[in-house]
Amino acid sequence: MAEIKIEKKKPIWPWIIALLLIGAIVYYVFLRDDQMQDPNRTEIENVTPADTIGN
C-alpha cells in the first residue's frame, strides 16, 4: 500500500492580524497626516449674514 502524507492546514489568523495592522499603519500615516500637521488649526464654519439674524 502507498503511504499518504497528510499536512495540516496552516492557520489564517496571523495573516488576518497582519493585514489589519498594515491597514492601521497606512491609515495613520497617509489619512491622518493632514490633521496632525497643525494641531492648533480650528475649523471655520461657513456662515452667511442671514444665519446670524435673530441671535
C-alpha atoms as a PDB file:
ATOM      1  CA  MET A   1       0.000   0.000   0.000  1.00  0.00           C
ATOM      2  CA  ALA A   2       1.073   3.575  -0.689  1.00  0.00           C
ATOM      3  CA  GLU A   3       1.775   5.954   2.102  1.00  0.00           C
ATOM      4  CA  ILE A   4      -0.407   9.089   2.107  1.00  0.00           C
ATOM      5  CA  LYS A   5       1.081  12.169   3.713  1.00  0.00           C
ATOM      6  CA  ILE A   6      -1.462  14.468   5.313  1.00  0.00           C
ATOM      7  CA  GLU A   7      -0.484  18.054   6.046  1.00  0.00           C
ATOM      8  CA  LYS A   8      -2.484  20.128   8.486  1.00  0.00           C
ATOM      9  CA  LYS A   9      -3.835  23.447   7.251  1.00  0.00           C
ATOM     10  CA  LYS A  10      -1.903  26.443   8.485  1.00  0.00           C
ATOM     11  CA  PRO A  11      -3.958  28.941  10.486  1.00  0.00           C
ATOM     12  CA  ILE A  12      -5.170  32.038   8.656  1.00  0.00           C
ATOM     13  CA  TRP A  13      -5.453  34.235  11.797  1.00  0.00           C
ATOM     14  CA  PRO A  14      -1.847  35.520  11.680  1.00  0.00           C
ATOM     15  CA  TRP A  15      -2.430  36.749   8.105  1.00  0.00           C
ATOM     16  CA  ILE A  16      -5.671  38.495   9.078  1.00  0.00           C
ATOM     17  CA  ILE A  17      -3.999  40.205  12.043  1.00  0.00           C
ATOM     18  CA  ALA A  18      -1.037  41.247   9.867  1.00  0.00           C
ATOM     19  CA  LEU A  19      -3.354  42.772   7.245  1.00  0.00           C
ATOM     20  CA  LEU A  20      -5.282  44.688   9.908  1.00  0.00           C
ATOM     21  CA  LEU A  21      -2.050  46.048  11.368  1.00  0.00           C
ATOM     22  CA  ILE A  22      -0.768  47.099   7.943  1.00  0.00           C
ATOM     23  CA  GLY A  23      -4.111  48.769   7.215  1.00  0.00           C
ATOM     24  CA  ALA A  24      -3.982  50.650  10.526  1.00  0.00           C
ATOM     25  CA  ILE A  25      -0.438  51.852   9.816  1.00  0.00           C
ATOM     26  CA  VAL A  26      -1.383  53.008   6.312  1.00  0.00           C
ATOM     27  CA  TYR A  27      -4.410  54.846   7.711  1.00  0.00           C
ATOM     28  CA  TYR A  28      -2.323  56.512  10.416  1.00  0.00           C
ATOM     29  CA  VAL A  29       0.456  57.603   8.057  1.00  0.00           C
ATOM     30  CA  PHE A  30      -1.488  58.727   4.997  1.00  0.00           C
ATOM     31  CA  LEU A  31      -5.039  59.590   6.021  1.00  0.00           C
ATOM     32  CA  ARG A  32      -4.417  61.176   9.436  1.00  0.00           C
ATOM     33  CA  ASP A  33      -1.372  63.150   8.245  1.00  0.00           C
ATOM     34  CA  ASP A  34      -3.350  66.250   7.209  1.00  0.00           C
ATOM     35  CA  GLN A  35      -4.989  66.541  10.634  1.00  0.00           C
ATOM     36  CA  MET A  36      -1.722  66.267  12.531  1.00  0.00           C
ATOM     37  CA  GLN A  37       0.229  68.943  10.635  1.00  0.00           C
ATOM     38  CA  ASP A  38      -1.290  71.865  12.535  1.00  0.00           C
ATOM     39  CA  PRO A  39      -2.787  70.863  15.889  1.00  0.00           C
ATOM     40  CA  ASN A  40      -3.793  74.489  16.611  1.00  0.00           C
ATOM     41  CA  ARG A  41      -5.880  74.720  13.443  1.00  0.00           C
ATOM     42  CA  THR A  42      -9.535  75.494  14.055  1.00  0.00           C
ATOM     43  CA  GLU A  43     -12.387  74.614  11.773  1.00  0.00           C
ATOM     44  CA  ILE A  44     -14.213  77.653  10.410  1.00  0.00           C
ATOM     45  CA  GLU A  45     -17.906  77.262   9.692  1.00  0.00           C
ATOM     46  CA  ASN A  46     -19.238  78.945   6.578  1.00  0.00           C
ATOM     47  CA  VAL A  47     -21.805  81.429   7.952  1.00  0.00           C
ATOM     48  CA  THR A  48     -23.899  83.837   5.908  1.00  0.00           C
ATOM     49  CA  PRO A  49     -25.372  87.099   7.273  1.00  0.00           C
ATOM     50  CA  ALA A  50     -28.863  85.546   7.103  1.00  0.00           C
ATOM     51  CA  ASP A  51     -27.733  82.837   9.524  1.00  0.00           C
ATOM     52  CA  THR A  52     -26.796  85.408  12.184  1.00  0.00           C
ATOM     53  CA  ILE A  53     -30.126  87.252  12.223  1.00  0.00           C
ATOM     54  CA  GLY A  54     -32.046  86.515  15.380  1.00  0.00           C
ATOM     55  CA  ASN A  55     -29.052  85.642  17.537  1.00  0.00           C
END
